[in-house]
Amino acid sequence: MIARFLLHYGMLSCLLPGSYLLAQEIEPKVVIGPETTYIDGPLTTDGYIDYLAHLNAILSKGVTPENNAAVLLLKASRGEISDEKYMKKYCKALGIKPQPLQGDYFMTYHQFACQEEKKIKKRNLTFQEINAATGKIDEQFDNAGKGAWTREKFPAIAQWIEASNKPLELVRKATLRPRYYHPLVNSSDNAEHAGPLVAVLLPQVQSARSFARVLMVRSLLGLGEGNIEQCTEDILTIRRLGNHIAQGATLVEQLVGIAIVGIAQNLEQKVALSGKLSTKQLLNYRTKMRKTAIKSNMLRSFSQCERFMYLDSVQQVMKGGMESMNLLSGIAGASKKKTRMQDMLDNVISSSTDWSVTMKEGNQLYDKYEKQLSNDEDWIAQDKVLVKMEKEIKELAVETSDFSAGLKALLGGPEYRGKMMGKVFVGLLLPALRSASMAEKRAIVMDDLSFMVITAAAHKSETGEFPRSIADFSRNATDELPVDRYANDDYRYRVEGNGFVVYSVGPNRKDEDGNGVFNQRRDKGDDYGAGYESQAINVKPSNIFK
């Protein structure tokens, strides 16, 4: 047993008497301490740190069923929950009674199209009929997302929206709640073999994307039919929904939340330039938009959840041997029967590795990067750290991938193997933080650009034309414009054609005339933003400020 080897190497002799240990009286199977396990509990029944329970305790602090947006989101859609036992565990963690697996839940437009076709034919659909039904509504959805529309133009989408109104009202009410706690629930019933933290399900993430998509087309329907209040409220609901999801523990939730807010940002620019909103409506919306600015926090997820995923994964290998390592890395055929030699090598490495050293290796790197990334006001300095970090991780992957590394691990002592395994785990589990950070920064920039576009539209509504330059923005439209943090200067702006160009110089801090892969000018560059054309014809000035 691993505990016997840990005792053999004297690893248990330096246990710290943390508060959890005193209360539980469970013999720990790991070396407890800030340098190894990082926290001192709680412990699972088999003596390992329960990182999942610790994360849930942090995330749920101050949360009740009445202030938690996740409760109403679950009532709107059960998401990817299809198992009754899991539903009971999930609802228990939320503090509510178990929800049914079948009910009046939200349907995606594909599900709706197939249901309606099934009603017509009064039988189950063939594969070809399913493809035909979903293909038809796909086309309508894509077109409805391009701009203002009416029910007569895309009737199938209008019917889907009508069928979705009840769950969407739950979504709207959910986003008005102050907290979002999505409990991390393991699908296993066996506490001692609960599976790795990295495999915990996120059942509400995909349904949140679907909510944002239906709210997007409903907003544009409101725009097309003159219901500006519905149009703008749906966009704000998308923003609040994205910000709630981004408060989740994992980087995945952060990125999904950012993507959802991105849907709102795209809508804001379309609606502002439609010519259908008055100056007063534009400025009122802009005020509300600023109160729902992007609220993701990559550093928090990195320093808490992602660190705990690393440490929990080390524990999984301590418990399950090197086969657990194979499963963590997704190696094909990991569950196949091993040869006697493979089994022997696995036993040698897993049983004679100083896993406390592996934990220390990971914590040292997480501490190092957390400290370097904490200066989130200086984007230029932070990006340099991220580039260096990415290079170091790649070097670690190369160092541990060749045959000589494996041979050294076999011939080296427990401490050497612990360090080597630390490098392997870092290469395997440390997230692509540079890409995640760039997505977060891009979302912040696009929030600023939404502000600029709305302000320019308000200026045109007031004066009859777009501002000729940054200095020309109406004092009535804004007191202060945001600053491009990649340039430490104003955003680039100029009038062009029937609209204007506004953009950030992007991560490389070079002005490339608005060219970049994340905007309409994709041929070169990394600028964020680009050209925006007015969709309004002969817009008359508003005299609201006169």
Protein backbone atom coordinates (compact mmCIF):
# COMPACT_ATOMS: atom_id res chain seq x y z
CA MET A 1 0.00 0.00 0.00
CA ILE A 2 1.08 3.58 -0.66
CA ALA A 3 0.76 4.50 3.03
CA ARG A 4 3.38 1.85 3.88
CA PHE A 5 5.82 3.36 1.37
CA LEU A 6 5.12 6.86 2.64
CA LEU A 7 5.92 5.70 6.18
CA HIS A 8 9.05 3.95 4.89
CA TYR A 9 10.36 7.24 3.50
CA GLY A 10 9.45 9.15 6.65
CA MET A 11 7.00 11.37 4.82
CA LEU A 12 4.28 11.14 7.47
CA SER A 13 6.60 12.26 10.26
CA CYS A 14 6.23 15.92 9.31
CA LEU A 15 2.45 16.09 9.48
CA LEU A 16 0.99 19.40 10.62
CA PRO A 17 -1.86 19.23 13.16
CA GLY A 18 -4.35 21.30 11.14
CA SER A 19 -7.81 22.05 12.44
CA TYR A 20 -9.48 19.61 10.05
CA LEU A 21 -7.24 16.76 11.19
CA LEU A 22 -7.97 17.36 14.86
CA ALA A 23 -11.70 17.35 14.23
CA GLN A 24 -11.91 14.32 11.96
CA GLU A 25 -9.45 11.87 13.50
CA ILE A 26 -8.78 10.32 10.08
CA GLU A 27 -5.27 9.14 9.41
CA PRO A 28 -4.05 11.17 6.43
CA LYS A 29 -2.35 9.36 3.55
CA VAL A 30 -0.57 12.50 2.34
CA VAL A 31 1.89 14.92 3.90
CA ILE A 32 -0.31 17.79 5.09
CA GLY A 33 1.06 21.33 4.84
CA PRO A 34 1.01 24.58 2.87
CA GLU A 35 3.93 23.46 0.69
CA THR A 36 2.35 20.10 -0.20
CA THR A 37 -1.44 19.86 0.05
CA TYR A 38 -1.75 23.68 0.39
CA ILE A 39 -4.79 23.24 2.67
CA ASP A 40 -5.22 20.95 5.70
CA GLY A 41 -8.66 19.55 4.93
CA PRO A 42 -11.29 18.35 4.94
CA LEU A 43 -10.22 14.75 4.48
CA THR A 44 -12.01 12.02 2.57
CA THR A 45 -12.84 8.79 4.41
CA ASP A 46 -9.73 7.18 2.91
CA GLY A 47 -7.43 9.90 4.23
CA TYR A 48 -6.87 12.25 1.29
CA ILE A 49 -7.62 15.95 0.96
CA ASP A 50 -11.16 16.56 -0.32
CA TYR A 51 -10.43 19.48 -2.64
CA LEU A 52 -13.91 19.35 -4.12
CA ALA A 53 -15.56 19.84 -0.71
CA HIS A 54 -13.13 22.67 0.10
CA LEU A 55 -13.91 24.47 -3.18
CA ASN A 56 -17.64 24.12 -2.64
CA ALA A 57 -17.28 25.55 0.87
CA ILE A 58 -15.52 28.62 -0.55
CA LEU A 59 -17.94 29.09 -3.46
CA SER A 60 -21.11 28.61 -1.41
CA LYS A 61 -20.26 31.04 1.39
CA GLY A 62 -23.20 33.39 1.87
CA VAL A 63 -25.26 31.64 -0.81
CA THR A 64 -28.90 30.64 -0.22
CA PRO A 65 -31.51 29.08 -2.53
CA GLU A 66 -33.16 32.51 -2.60
CA ASN A 67 -30.12 34.52 -3.77
CA ASN A 68 -28.51 31.89 -6.01
CA ALA A 69 -29.04 32.36 -9.76
CA ALA A 70 -28.13 28.70 -10.39
CA VAL A 71 -31.38 27.53 -8.74
CA LEU A 72 -33.58 29.33 -11.28
CA LEU A 73 -31.29 28.40 -14.17
CA LEU A 74 -31.73 24.74 -13.23
CA LYS A 75 -35.53 25.18 -13.17
CA ALA A 76 -35.31 26.70 -16.65
CA SER A 77 -33.17 23.84 -18.00
CA ARG A 78 -31.73 20.71 -16.45
CA GLY A 79 -28.77 21.15 -18.79
CA GLU A 80 -26.79 17.96 -19.28
CA ILE A 81 -28.13 16.23 -16.15
CA SER A 82 -29.66 12.93 -17.25
CA ASP A 83 -29.09 10.79 -14.16
CA GLU A 84 -31.57 10.84 -11.28
CA LYS A 85 -28.90 10.14 -8.62
CA TYR A 86 -26.76 12.99 -9.91
CA MET A 87 -29.79 15.32 -9.96
CA LYS A 88 -30.50 14.50 -6.30
CA LYS A 89 -26.89 15.19 -5.29
CA TYR A 90 -26.79 18.41 -7.31
CA CYS A 91 -30.07 19.70 -5.86
CA LYS A 92 -29.00 18.78 -2.34
CA ALA A 93 -25.88 20.89 -2.83
CA LEU A 94 -28.11 23.76 -4.02
CA GLY A 95 -30.37 23.35 -0.97
CA ILE A 96 -33.54 22.60 -2.97
CA LYS A 97 -35.75 19.58 -3.53
CA PRO A 98 -34.79 17.29 -6.45
CA GLN A 99 -35.98 18.54 -9.82
CA PRO A 100 -37.59 16.13 -12.30
CA LEU A 101 -35.59 14.89 -15.27
CA GLN A 102 -38.62 15.50 -17.49
CA GLY A 103 -40.55 18.73 -17.34
CA ASP A 104 -41.40 22.03 -18.99
CA TYR A 105 -37.76 22.83 -19.63
CA PHE A 106 -36.14 25.01 -22.26
CA MET A 107 -35.51 23.36 -25.64
CA THR A 108 -32.79 24.21 -28.11
CA TYR A 109 -34.05 25.16 -31.56
CA HIS A 110 -32.96 21.75 -32.87
CA GLN A 111 -35.00 19.99 -30.18
CA PHE A 112 -37.96 22.28 -30.88
CA ALA A 113 -37.83 21.69 -34.64
CA CYS A 114 -37.75 17.91 -34.20
CA GLN A 115 -40.61 18.02 -31.66
CA GLU A 116 -42.80 20.04 -34.03
CA GLU A 117 -42.00 17.75 -36.96
CA LYS A 118 -42.79 14.72 -34.81
CA LYS A 119 -46.21 16.21 -33.95
CA ILE A 120 -46.99 16.66 -37.63
CA LYS A 121 -45.94 13.15 -38.64
CA LYS A 122 -47.32 11.54 -35.43
CA ARG A 123 -44.36 9.16 -35.24
CA ASN A 124 -40.64 9.07 -34.50
CA LEU A 125 -38.50 10.76 -37.12
CA THR A 126 -35.99 9.04 -39.34
CA PHE A 127 -32.38 10.17 -39.41
CA GLN A 128 -32.97 11.91 -42.75
CA GLU A 129 -36.07 13.70 -41.40
CA ILE A 130 -34.15 14.89 -38.34
CA ASN A 131 -31.43 16.32 -40.59
CA ALA A 132 -34.03 18.04 -42.78
CA ALA A 133 -35.86 19.60 -39.80
CA THR A 134 -32.69 20.85 -38.09
CA GLY A 135 -31.17 22.07 -41.36
CA LYS A 136 -34.22 24.19 -42.12
CA ILE A 137 -34.31 25.89 -38.72
CA ASP A 138 -30.50 26.29 -38.79
CA GLU A 139 -30.85 28.51 -41.84
CA GLN A 140 -33.58 30.62 -40.23
CA PHE A 141 -31.59 30.98 -37.01
CA ASP A 142 -28.44 32.10 -38.83
CA ASN A 143 -30.39 34.74 -40.77
CA ALA A 144 -32.33 35.91 -37.71
CA GLY A 145 -29.03 36.55 -35.93
CA LYS A 146 -27.79 38.96 -38.57
CA GLY A 147 -30.01 41.92 -37.71
CA ALA A 148 -33.53 43.19 -37.02
CA TRP A 149 -36.28 40.83 -38.19
CA THR A 150 -40.02 40.15 -37.90
CA ARG A 151 -42.12 37.07 -37.16
CA GLU A 152 -43.31 36.80 -40.74
CA LYS A 153 -39.74 36.56 -42.00
CA PHE A 154 -38.62 33.62 -39.84
CA PRO A 155 -41.77 31.93 -38.48
CA ALA A 156 -40.04 28.80 -37.10
CA ILE A 157 -37.70 30.91 -34.96
CA ALA A 158 -40.63 33.05 -33.81
CA GLN A 159 -42.50 29.90 -32.73
CA TRP A 160 -39.42 28.63 -30.88
CA ILE A 161 -39.10 31.96 -29.04
CA GLU A 162 -42.79 31.83 -28.09
CA ALA A 163 -42.32 28.32 -26.70
CA SER A 164 -39.24 29.52 -24.77
CA ASN A 165 -40.77 32.55 -23.06
CA LYS A 166 -41.55 30.79 -19.77
CA PRO A 167 -38.01 29.42 -19.16
CA LEU A 168 -36.53 32.68 -20.43
CA GLU A 169 -38.43 34.60 -17.75
CA LEU A 170 -36.77 32.31 -15.18
CA VAL A 171 -33.41 33.10 -16.79
CA ARG A 172 -34.08 36.85 -16.61
CA LYS A 173 -35.03 36.60 -12.93
CA ALA A 174 -31.98 34.39 -12.27
CA THR A 175 -29.61 37.00 -13.69
CA LEU A 176 -31.04 39.61 -11.34
CA ARG A 177 -29.99 37.55 -8.32
CA PRO A 178 -26.75 38.68 -6.68
CA ARG A 179 -24.97 35.29 -6.45
CA TYR A 180 -24.18 32.39 -8.74
CA TYR A 181 -23.09 29.16 -7.07
CA HIS A 182 -22.83 26.15 -9.34
CA PRO A 183 -21.87 23.28 -7.00
CA LEU A 184 -19.10 20.96 -8.10
CA VAL A 185 -20.63 17.50 -7.76
CA ASN A 186 -18.85 14.23 -8.43
CA SER A 187 -20.94 11.72 -10.35
CA SER A 188 -19.52 8.72 -8.44
CA ASP A 189 -21.33 7.23 -5.45
CA ASN A 190 -18.07 5.87 -4.04
CA ALA A 191 -16.40 8.46 -1.79
CA GLU A 192 -13.08 6.62 -1.91
CA HIS A 193 -13.08 6.39 -5.72
CA ALA A 194 -14.84 9.62 -6.58
CA GLY A 195 -12.71 10.36 -9.62
CA PRO A 196 -10.48 13.36 -10.29
CA LEU A 197 -11.56 16.94 -9.76
CA VAL A 198 -10.68 17.63 -13.41
CA ALA A 199 -13.52 15.28 -14.45
CA VAL A 200 -16.29 17.00 -12.46
CA LEU A 201 -19.30 17.83 -14.64
CA LEU A 202 -20.42 21.38 -15.47
CA PRO A 203 -24.05 20.66 -16.45
CA GLN A 204 -25.27 24.28 -16.66
CA VAL A 205 -22.56 25.64 -18.93
CA GLN A 206 -23.98 24.42 -22.25
CA SER A 207 -27.55 25.44 -21.38
CA ALA A 208 -26.26 28.95 -20.57
CA ARG A 209 -24.90 29.19 -24.11
CA SER A 210 -28.29 28.12 -25.45
CA PHE A 211 -30.09 30.73 -23.33
CA ALA A 212 -27.82 33.42 -24.75
CA ARG A 213 -28.54 32.32 -28.32
CA VAL A 214 -32.33 32.48 -27.98
CA LEU A 215 -32.09 35.82 -26.14
CA MET A 216 -29.94 37.09 -29.02
CA VAL A 217 -32.56 36.40 -31.70
CA ARG A 218 -35.41 37.58 -29.45
CA SER A 219 -33.56 40.85 -28.94
CA LEU A 220 -33.26 41.36 -32.68
CA LEU A 221 -36.95 40.46 -33.06
CA GLY A 222 -37.74 43.21 -30.56
CA LEU A 223 -35.57 45.58 -32.58
CA GLY A 224 -37.36 44.63 -35.81
CA GLU A 225 -40.83 45.04 -34.32
CA GLY A 226 -40.09 48.27 -32.47
CA ASN A 227 -40.05 46.80 -28.97
CA ILE A 228 -36.87 48.57 -27.87
CA GLU A 229 -37.44 47.83 -24.19
CA GLN A 230 -37.55 44.07 -24.88
CA CYS A 231 -34.54 44.36 -27.20
CA THR A 232 -32.29 46.12 -24.69
CA GLU A 233 -33.46 44.11 -21.67
CA ASP A 234 -32.60 40.86 -23.48
CA ILE A 235 -29.09 42.13 -24.21
CA LEU A 236 -28.60 43.11 -20.57
CA THR A 237 -29.88 39.67 -19.52
CA ILE A 238 -27.23 38.07 -21.75
CA ARG A 239 -24.57 40.25 -20.10
CA ARG A 240 -25.69 39.37 -16.59
CA LEU A 241 -25.89 35.69 -17.50
CA GLY A 242 -22.34 35.70 -18.87
CA ASN A 243 -21.04 37.45 -15.78
CA HIS A 244 -22.75 34.90 -13.51
CA ILE A 245 -21.25 31.96 -15.40
CA ALA A 246 -17.83 33.65 -15.24
CA GLN A 247 -18.06 33.57 -11.44
CA GLY A 248 -17.72 29.77 -11.56
CA ALA A 249 -14.60 28.09 -10.18
CA THR A 250 -13.07 26.76 -13.38
CA LEU A 251 -11.33 28.43 -16.31
CA VAL A 252 -13.87 26.70 -18.57
CA GLU A 253 -16.69 28.64 -16.90
CA GLN A 254 -14.68 31.85 -17.16
CA LEU A 255 -14.24 31.37 -20.91
CA VAL A 256 -17.89 30.43 -21.49
CA GLY A 257 -18.97 33.49 -19.49
CA ILE A 258 -16.72 35.69 -21.63
CA ALA A 259 -18.14 34.16 -24.82
CA ILE A 260 -21.70 34.85 -23.64
CA VAL A 261 -20.87 38.49 -22.87
CA GLY A 262 -19.33 38.60 -26.35
CA ILE A 263 -22.77 37.82 -27.81
CA ALA A 264 -24.13 40.86 -25.97
CA GLN A 265 -21.26 43.05 -27.18
CA ASN A 266 -21.93 42.09 -30.79
CA LEU A 267 -25.64 42.85 -30.34
CA GLU A 268 -24.94 46.22 -28.75
CA GLN A 269 -23.00 47.36 -31.78
CA LYS A 270 -25.74 46.20 -34.18
CA VAL A 271 -28.53 47.80 -32.17
CA ALA A 272 -26.66 51.09 -31.60
CA LEU A 273 -26.07 51.54 -35.33
CA SER A 274 -29.60 50.51 -36.36
CA GLY A 275 -30.90 54.07 -36.07
CA LYS A 276 -33.91 52.78 -34.14
CA LEU A 277 -32.89 54.11 -30.70
CA SER A 278 -33.15 57.74 -29.62
CA THR A 279 -30.27 59.55 -27.99
CA LYS A 280 -31.94 59.12 -24.60
CA GLN A 281 -32.43 55.37 -25.15
CA LEU A 282 -28.82 54.94 -26.24
CA LEU A 283 -27.39 56.79 -23.25
CA ASN A 284 -29.72 55.04 -20.79
CA TYR A 285 -28.63 51.68 -22.17
CA ARG A 286 -24.97 52.67 -22.02
CA THR A 287 -25.32 53.49 -18.31
CA LYS A 288 -26.86 50.07 -17.63
CA MET A 289 -24.24 48.36 -19.79
CA ARG A 290 -21.42 49.86 -17.74
CA LYS A 291 -22.98 48.38 -14.58
CA THR A 292 -22.77 44.92 -16.18
CA ALA A 293 -19.18 45.20 -17.43
CA ILE A 294 -17.26 41.93 -17.86
CA LYS A 295 -16.49 40.36 -14.47
CA SER A 296 -14.34 37.34 -15.22
CA ASN A 297 -11.35 36.60 -12.98
CA MET A 298 -8.83 34.24 -14.55
CA LEU A 299 -6.29 34.73 -11.78
CA ARG A 300 -8.76 33.59 -9.12
CA SER A 301 -9.55 30.39 -11.02
CA PHE A 302 -5.87 29.76 -11.64
CA SER A 303 -4.78 30.25 -8.04
CA GLN A 304 -7.64 28.26 -6.50
CA CYS A 305 -9.43 25.76 -8.70
CA GLU A 306 -6.67 24.98 -11.19
CA ARG A 307 -4.11 24.57 -8.40
CA PHE A 308 -6.45 22.19 -6.57
CA MET A 309 -6.97 20.21 -9.77
CA TYR A 310 -3.22 19.71 -9.94
CA LEU A 311 -2.93 18.58 -6.31
CA ASP A 312 -6.02 16.39 -6.53
CA SER A 313 -4.63 14.70 -9.65
CA VAL A 314 -1.42 13.87 -7.78
CA GLN A 315 -3.57 12.26 -5.09
CA GLN A 316 -5.42 10.25 -7.76
CA VAL A 317 -2.12 8.71 -8.90
CA MET A 318 -1.10 8.06 -5.30
CA LYS A 319 -4.33 6.10 -4.85
CA GLY A 320 -4.68 4.45 -8.24
CA GLY A 321 -1.11 4.11 -9.48
CA MET A 322 0.23 5.10 -12.87
CA GLU A 323 -2.91 3.88 -14.63
CA SER A 324 -4.65 6.89 -13.09
CA MET A 325 -1.97 9.04 -14.72
CA ASN A 326 -2.80 7.47 -18.07
CA LEU A 327 -6.49 8.18 -17.57
CA LEU A 328 -5.77 11.80 -16.59
CA SER A 329 -3.73 12.35 -19.74
CA GLY A 330 -6.33 10.63 -21.92
CA ILE A 331 -3.89 8.05 -23.29
CA ALA A 332 -5.77 5.74 -25.65
CA GLY A 333 -5.97 2.18 -24.46
CA ALA A 334 -5.15 3.02 -20.86
CA SER A 335 -7.79 0.59 -19.68
CA LYS A 336 -6.37 -2.32 -21.72
CA LYS A 337 -4.64 -5.17 -19.98
CA LYS A 338 -1.02 -4.29 -19.19
CA THR A 339 1.99 -6.51 -19.68
CA ARG A 340 3.81 -7.83 -16.63
CA MET A 341 6.72 -5.46 -17.37
CA GLN A 342 4.39 -2.44 -17.59
CA ASP A 343 2.70 -3.45 -14.36
CA MET A 344 6.07 -3.81 -12.62
CA LEU A 345 7.31 -0.42 -13.83
CA ASP A 346 4.05 1.23 -12.74
CA ASN A 347 4.35 -0.27 -9.28
CA VAL A 348 7.99 0.82 -8.96
CA ILE A 349 7.25 4.42 -9.92
CA SER A 350 3.97 4.89 -8.03
CA SER A 351 5.05 3.18 -4.83
CA SER A 352 8.56 4.62 -4.53
CA THR A 353 7.94 8.21 -5.61
CA ASP A 354 8.02 10.99 -3.04
CA TRP A 355 4.67 12.51 -3.97
CA SER A 356 5.09 15.31 -1.45
CA VAL A 357 7.90 16.58 -3.68
CA THR A 358 5.54 16.41 -6.67
CA MET A 359 3.04 18.55 -4.80
CA LYS A 360 5.75 21.01 -3.79
CA GLU A 361 6.93 21.32 -7.40
CA GLY A 362 3.43 22.27 -8.52
CA ASN A 363 2.78 24.69 -5.69
CA GLN A 364 6.06 26.48 -6.29
CA LEU A 365 5.12 27.10 -9.92
CA TYR A 366 1.56 28.15 -9.07
CA ASP A 367 2.90 30.53 -6.39
CA LYS A 368 5.43 31.96 -8.81
CA TYR A 369 2.95 32.61 -11.61
CA GLU A 370 0.24 33.85 -9.27
CA LYS A 371 2.62 36.50 -7.93
CA GLN A 372 3.76 37.53 -11.38
CA LEU A 373 0.23 37.72 -12.76
CA SER A 374 -1.26 39.64 -9.83
CA ASN A 375 -0.48 42.99 -11.49
CA ASP A 376 -3.53 42.97 -13.77
CA GLU A 377 -3.43 46.73 -14.33
CA ASP A 378 -0.24 46.55 -16.42
CA TRP A 379 -1.29 44.41 -19.37
CA ILE A 380 2.02 44.79 -21.19
CA ALA A 381 4.03 43.48 -18.22
CA GLN A 382 1.52 40.69 -17.61
CA ASP A 383 1.67 39.54 -21.24
CA LYS A 384 5.46 39.29 -21.02
CA VAL A 385 5.09 37.04 -17.97
CA LEU A 386 2.58 34.86 -19.82
CA VAL A 387 4.89 34.45 -22.82
CA LYS A 388 7.75 33.43 -20.50
CA MET A 389 5.47 31.07 -18.61
CA GLU A 390 4.31 29.37 -21.81
CA LYS A 391 7.92 28.89 -22.91
CA GLU A 392 8.90 27.35 -19.55
CA ILE A 393 6.00 24.88 -19.66
CA LYS A 394 6.96 23.80 -23.19
CA GLU A 395 10.54 23.25 -22.05
CA LEU A 396 9.29 21.09 -19.17
CA ALA A 397 7.25 18.99 -21.59
CA VAL A 398 10.34 18.42 -23.77
CA GLU A 399 12.50 17.60 -20.75
CA THR A 400 10.14 14.85 -19.56
CA SER A 401 9.23 13.34 -22.93
CA ASP A 402 12.40 11.58 -24.09
CA PHE A 403 13.59 8.07 -23.21
CA SER A 404 16.46 9.28 -21.04
CA ALA A 405 14.05 11.09 -18.74
CA GLY A 406 12.15 7.86 -18.12
CA LEU A 407 15.38 5.97 -17.49
CA LYS A 408 16.59 8.60 -15.02
CA ALA A 409 13.27 8.40 -13.22
CA LEU A 410 13.65 4.66 -12.80
CA LEU A 411 17.26 4.88 -11.63
CA GLY A 412 16.82 7.98 -9.49
CA GLY A 413 15.62 8.06 -5.93
CA PRO A 414 12.15 8.91 -4.58
CA GLU A 415 12.87 12.65 -4.46
CA TYR A 416 14.15 12.72 -8.04
CA ARG A 417 11.08 10.82 -9.22
CA GLY A 418 8.89 13.25 -7.26
CA LYS A 419 10.44 16.22 -9.04
CA MET A 420 10.20 14.51 -12.42
CA MET A 421 6.53 13.66 -11.86
CA GLY A 422 5.93 17.27 -10.85
CA LYS A 423 7.21 18.40 -14.23
CA VAL A 424 5.03 15.81 -15.97
CA PHE A 425 1.93 16.98 -14.09
CA VAL A 426 2.68 20.64 -14.82
CA GLY A 427 2.99 19.91 -18.54
CA LEU A 428 -0.22 17.90 -18.42
CA LEU A 429 -2.44 20.05 -16.22
CA LEU A 430 -1.24 23.65 -16.13
CA PRO A 431 -3.86 25.51 -18.17
CA ALA A 432 -3.26 27.52 -21.32
CA LEU A 433 -3.36 30.66 -19.21
CA ARG A 434 -1.96 32.94 -21.88
CA SER A 435 -4.84 32.15 -24.25
CA ALA A 436 -7.35 32.50 -21.42
CA SER A 437 -5.87 35.82 -20.32
CA MET A 438 -5.93 37.14 -23.89
CA ALA A 439 -9.62 36.21 -24.14
CA GLU A 440 -10.32 38.06 -20.90
CA LYS A 441 -8.45 41.18 -22.05
CA ARG A 442 -10.14 41.08 -25.45
CA ALA A 443 -13.54 40.99 -23.71
CA ILE A 444 -12.60 44.07 -21.66
CA VAL A 445 -11.51 45.87 -24.84
CA MET A 446 -14.75 44.94 -26.59
CA ASP A 447 -16.69 46.34 -23.63
CA ASP A 448 -14.85 49.63 -24.18
CA LEU A 449 -15.55 49.49 -27.91
CA SER A 450 -19.26 48.88 -27.24
CA PHE A 451 -19.15 52.06 -25.14
CA MET A 452 -17.46 53.90 -28.03
CA VAL A 453 -19.93 52.64 -30.64
CA ILE A 454 -22.97 53.52 -28.50
CA THR A 455 -21.48 56.94 -27.75
CA ALA A 456 -20.77 57.58 -31.44
CA ALA A 457 -24.35 56.54 -32.29
CA ALA A 458 -25.70 58.89 -29.60
CA HIS A 459 -23.56 61.68 -31.04
CA LYS A 460 -25.06 61.07 -34.48
CA SER A 461 -28.57 60.93 -33.05
CA GLU A 462 -27.92 64.31 -31.42
CA THR A 463 -25.99 66.09 -34.21
CA GLY A 464 -26.82 64.20 -37.40
CA GLU A 465 -23.34 62.84 -37.99
CA PHE A 466 -20.71 60.67 -36.35
CA PRO A 467 -17.85 62.39 -34.47
CA ARG A 468 -15.06 63.37 -36.88
CA SER A 469 -12.37 62.46 -34.33
CA ILE A 470 -11.87 61.44 -30.71
CA ALA A 471 -11.79 65.12 -29.76
CA ASP A 472 -15.09 65.69 -31.58
CA PHE A 473 -17.19 63.38 -29.37
CA SER A 474 -20.11 65.40 -27.98
CA ARG A 475 -19.73 66.49 -24.37
CA ASN A 476 -23.41 65.71 -24.04
CA ALA A 477 -22.82 62.12 -25.13
CA THR A 478 -19.94 61.42 -22.76
CA ASP A 479 -17.76 63.05 -20.13
CA GLU A 480 -14.88 60.61 -20.50
CA LEU A 481 -13.86 58.01 -23.07
CA PRO A 482 -12.15 54.75 -22.12
CA VAL A 483 -8.41 54.34 -22.73
CA ASP A 484 -6.80 51.54 -24.75
CA ARG A 485 -4.71 49.71 -22.14
CA TYR A 486 -2.58 48.12 -24.84
CA ALA A 487 -1.46 51.59 -25.95
CA ASN A 488 -1.93 53.58 -22.74
CA ASP A 489 -3.62 56.07 -25.04
CA ASP A 490 -6.97 56.75 -26.74
CA TYR A 491 -8.54 54.07 -28.88
CA ARG A 492 -7.91 54.66 -32.60
CA TYR A 493 -10.91 56.31 -34.23
CA ARG A 494 -11.76 57.85 -37.60
CA VAL A 495 -14.81 58.36 -39.83
CA GLU A 496 -14.84 56.12 -42.88
CA GLY A 497 -17.54 55.73 -45.55
CA ASN A 498 -21.03 55.56 -44.04
CA GLY A 499 -19.64 54.79 -40.61
CA PHE A 500 -16.42 54.87 -38.66
CA VAL A 501 -13.43 52.78 -37.59
CA VAL A 502 -12.54 52.30 -33.93
CA TYR A 503 -10.09 49.77 -32.56
CA SER A 504 -7.41 48.79 -30.04
CA VAL A 505 -3.83 48.23 -31.19
CA GLY A 506 -4.01 44.77 -29.58
CA PRO A 507 -1.42 42.64 -27.77
CA ASN A 508 1.47 43.42 -30.11
CA ARG A 509 0.86 47.14 -29.42
CA LYS A 510 1.29 47.99 -33.11
CA ASP A 511 -1.24 50.11 -34.99
CA GLU A 512 -2.21 47.89 -37.93
CA ASP A 513 -5.10 50.01 -39.14
CA GLY A 514 -7.75 47.84 -37.46
CA ASN A 515 -6.59 44.59 -39.02
CA GLY A 516 -6.91 41.52 -36.81
CA VAL A 517 -8.17 37.94 -36.65
CA PHE A 518 -10.89 38.83 -34.12
CA ASN A 519 -12.64 41.47 -36.20
CA GLN A 520 -13.99 42.02 -39.71
CA ARG A 521 -10.55 42.66 -41.21
CA ARG A 522 -8.93 39.26 -40.90
CA ASP A 523 -6.08 39.43 -43.40
CA LYS A 524 -3.35 40.43 -40.94
CA GLY A 525 -2.58 42.01 -37.60
CA ASP A 526 -3.97 41.57 -34.08
CA ASP A 527 -5.96 44.79 -33.61
CA TYR A 528 -9.32 44.45 -31.84
CA GLY A 529 -12.31 46.27 -33.31
CA ALA A 530 -12.58 47.62 -36.88
CA GLY A 531 -15.18 49.27 -39.06
CA TYR A 532 -18.78 49.94 -38.08
CA GLU A 533 -21.32 51.15 -40.63
CA SER A 534 -24.57 52.92 -39.82
CA GLN A 535 -27.64 50.89 -40.74
CA ALA A 536 -29.87 53.95 -40.49
CA ILE A 537 -30.86 56.05 -43.51
CA ASN A 538 -31.27 59.81 -43.10
CA VAL A 539 -31.27 59.75 -39.30
CA LYS A 540 -32.66 63.03 -38.00
CA PRO A 541 -30.86 64.73 -35.09
CA SER A 542 -32.48 64.43 -31.67
CA ASN A 543 -33.04 67.63 -29.71
CA ILE A 544 -33.03 65.96 -26.31
CA PHE A 545 -30.14 68.11 -25.05
CA LYS A 546 -31.40 71.38 -26.54
